[in-house]
Protein backbone atom coordinates (compact mmCIF):
# COMPACT_ATOMS: atom_id res chain seq x y z
CA MET A 1 134.44 46.14 93.50
CA SER A 2 134.28 49.78 94.24
CA PHE A 3 133.58 51.37 97.60
CA VAL A 4 130.09 52.35 96.41
CA GLU A 5 129.30 48.86 95.47
CA GLU A 6 129.85 48.06 99.16
CA THR A 7 127.05 50.35 100.41
CA VAL A 8 123.68 49.10 101.23
CA GLY A 9 122.01 52.10 99.53
CA TYR A 10 123.74 51.56 96.21
CA MET A 11 122.91 47.89 96.18
CA ILE A 12 119.21 48.43 97.08
CA ARG A 13 119.03 51.11 94.24
CA ARG A 14 120.38 48.72 91.76
CA VAL A 15 118.12 45.95 92.63
CA GLN A 16 115.21 48.46 92.50
CA GLU A 17 116.19 49.31 89.00
CA ARG A 18 116.22 45.89 87.78
CA MET A 19 113.05 45.07 89.55
CA PHE A 20 111.30 48.10 88.11
CA ALA A 21 112.44 46.98 84.55
CA ALA A 22 111.31 43.48 85.09
CA PHE A 23 107.99 44.81 86.40
CA HIS A 24 107.39 47.10 83.44
CA ARG A 25 108.13 44.17 81.05
CA ARG A 26 105.90 41.81 82.94
CA PHE A 27 103.02 44.41 83.38
CA ALA A 28 103.36 46.23 80.23
CA ASP A 29 99.88 45.20 78.82
CA SER A 30 98.20 46.22 82.10
CA GLY A 31 98.92 49.79 82.00
CA LEU A 32 100.20 49.60 85.65
CA THR A 33 103.06 51.31 87.21
CA PRO A 34 104.52 49.79 90.36
CA ALA A 35 102.89 52.59 92.49
CA ALA A 36 99.47 51.75 90.96
CA TYR A 37 100.00 47.93 91.34
CA ALA A 38 100.85 48.54 95.03
CA THR A 39 97.99 50.87 95.56
CA LEU A 40 95.38 48.31 94.22
CA ALA A 41 96.92 45.57 96.36
CA THR A 42 96.71 47.73 99.43
CA ILE A 43 93.15 48.62 98.82
CA ASP A 44 92.43 44.92 98.27
CA ARG A 45 93.94 43.99 101.55
CA ASN A 46 92.38 46.94 103.39
CA PRO A 47 88.89 47.72 102.05
CA GLY A 48 87.73 51.15 103.07
CA VAL A 49 91.15 52.50 103.58
CA ARG A 50 91.78 56.21 103.22
CA GLN A 51 93.95 57.70 100.51
CA GLY A 52 96.31 59.29 103.02
CA ARG A 53 96.89 55.98 104.74
CA ILE A 54 97.89 54.34 101.54
CA ALA A 55 100.37 57.10 100.61
CA GLU A 56 101.73 56.74 104.14
CA GLU A 57 101.97 52.87 103.84
CA LEU A 58 103.68 53.19 100.40
CA GLY A 59 106.02 55.98 101.21
CA LEU A 60 104.31 58.27 98.59
CA GLN A 61 103.35 61.86 98.48
CA ASN A 62 99.66 62.34 99.26
CA SER A 63 99.68 64.83 96.44
CA ASN A 64 100.86 62.20 93.82
CA MET A 65 97.98 59.81 95.19
CA VAL A 66 95.32 62.17 93.96
CA ASN A 67 96.14 61.45 90.27
CA LEU A 68 96.87 57.95 90.86
CA ILE A 69 93.51 57.29 92.62
CA LYS A 70 91.71 59.37 89.99
CA SER A 71 93.19 57.09 87.24
CA LEU A 72 92.20 53.93 88.97
CA VAL A 73 88.68 55.27 89.41
CA GLU A 74 88.58 56.28 85.90
CA ARG A 75 89.71 52.76 84.89
CA GLY A 76 86.76 51.28 86.89
CA PHE A 77 89.09 49.62 89.39
CA VAL A 78 88.48 51.64 92.48
CA GLU A 79 85.44 53.23 94.17
CA ARG A 80 85.48 56.25 96.32
CA HIS A 81 82.88 56.54 99.30
CA ARG A 82 82.44 59.41 101.55
CA SER A 83 83.22 58.33 105.13
CA ALA A 84 80.22 57.88 107.33
CA SER A 85 82.11 59.50 110.30
CA ASP A 86 83.77 62.47 108.39
CA ASN A 87 82.28 63.98 105.41
CA ARG A 88 85.62 65.39 104.18
CA VAL A 89 87.17 61.98 104.14
CA PHE A 90 86.94 59.51 101.35
CA THR A 91 87.43 55.73 101.71
CA LEU A 92 88.47 53.44 99.06
CA THR A 93 87.43 50.14 97.91
CA LEU A 94 88.02 47.77 94.81
CA SER A 95 85.05 47.59 92.40
CA SER A 96 84.13 43.95 91.08
CA ALA A 97 86.30 44.69 88.08
CA GLY A 98 89.24 45.70 90.34
CA LYS A 99 89.03 42.65 92.19
CA LEU A 100 89.22 40.49 89.26
CA PHE A 101 92.02 42.75 87.82
CA ILE A 102 94.20 42.43 90.96
CA GLU A 103 93.76 38.77 91.36
CA LYS A 104 95.38 38.41 87.95
CA MET A 105 97.94 40.96 88.58
CA ASN A 106 98.83 39.23 91.89
CA GLU A 107 99.59 36.15 90.07
CA ARG A 108 102.07 37.97 87.74
CA ALA A 109 103.59 39.60 90.75
CA LEU A 110 104.10 36.46 92.59
CA ALA A 111 105.66 34.86 89.52
CA LEU A 112 107.96 37.87 89.04
CA ASP A 113 108.97 37.78 92.73
CA ALA A 114 109.68 34.05 92.48
CA GLU A 115 111.75 34.61 89.26
CA TYR A 116 113.51 37.55 90.75
CA THR A 117 114.50 35.83 93.99
CA ARG A 118 115.18 32.41 92.66
CA SER A 119 118.80 32.58 93.81
CA LEU A 120 117.82 32.97 97.30
CA SER A 121 116.75 30.08 99.46
CA ASP A 122 113.57 30.34 101.40
CA GLU A 123 115.30 31.32 104.49
CA GLU A 124 117.52 33.94 102.78
CA ARG A 125 114.25 35.46 101.13
CA ARG A 126 112.61 35.70 104.67
CA THR A 127 115.65 37.11 106.17
CA LEU A 128 116.10 39.81 103.41
CA ILE A 129 112.49 40.91 103.77
CA GLU A 130 112.81 41.01 107.55
CA LEU A 131 116.21 43.04 107.29
CA LEU A 132 114.56 45.54 104.69
CA GLY A 133 111.51 45.84 106.95
CA LYS A 134 113.73 46.89 109.75
CA MET A 135 115.35 49.61 107.63
CA ILE A 136 111.96 50.86 106.35
CA THR A 137 110.48 51.10 109.79
CA ASP A 138 113.66 52.72 111.55
CA PRO A 139 112.66 56.25 112.56
CA GLN A 140 116.00 57.66 111.86
């Protein structure tokens, strides 16, 4: 094992590459990218969320969210609503088609996650998620 293989960043990157490849295979017919799936899932759990909040939550640039949201609206999965409290702000909800679609995609995502983490015990999986969460929320 080389020095680089003993670094957390390198190992996370390798896992990410493998998970993205598996995601693209499993979701190829859906036309979703990992970011689009995560966006739909976030809107599903947070109806009325603002676009900027999704970008913040997912670690994406707000400028990238514009085209992503636009494509999800065009596909009929997401609806944009002007905020009642601030006309400059739009909130996002899933359409009926979006709700049905995300239910199916969540089933795929859960199956993929189970497949990808099958070598971990339930406790190891929870610990991994907890440790990665700590790294994500560290203000650095």
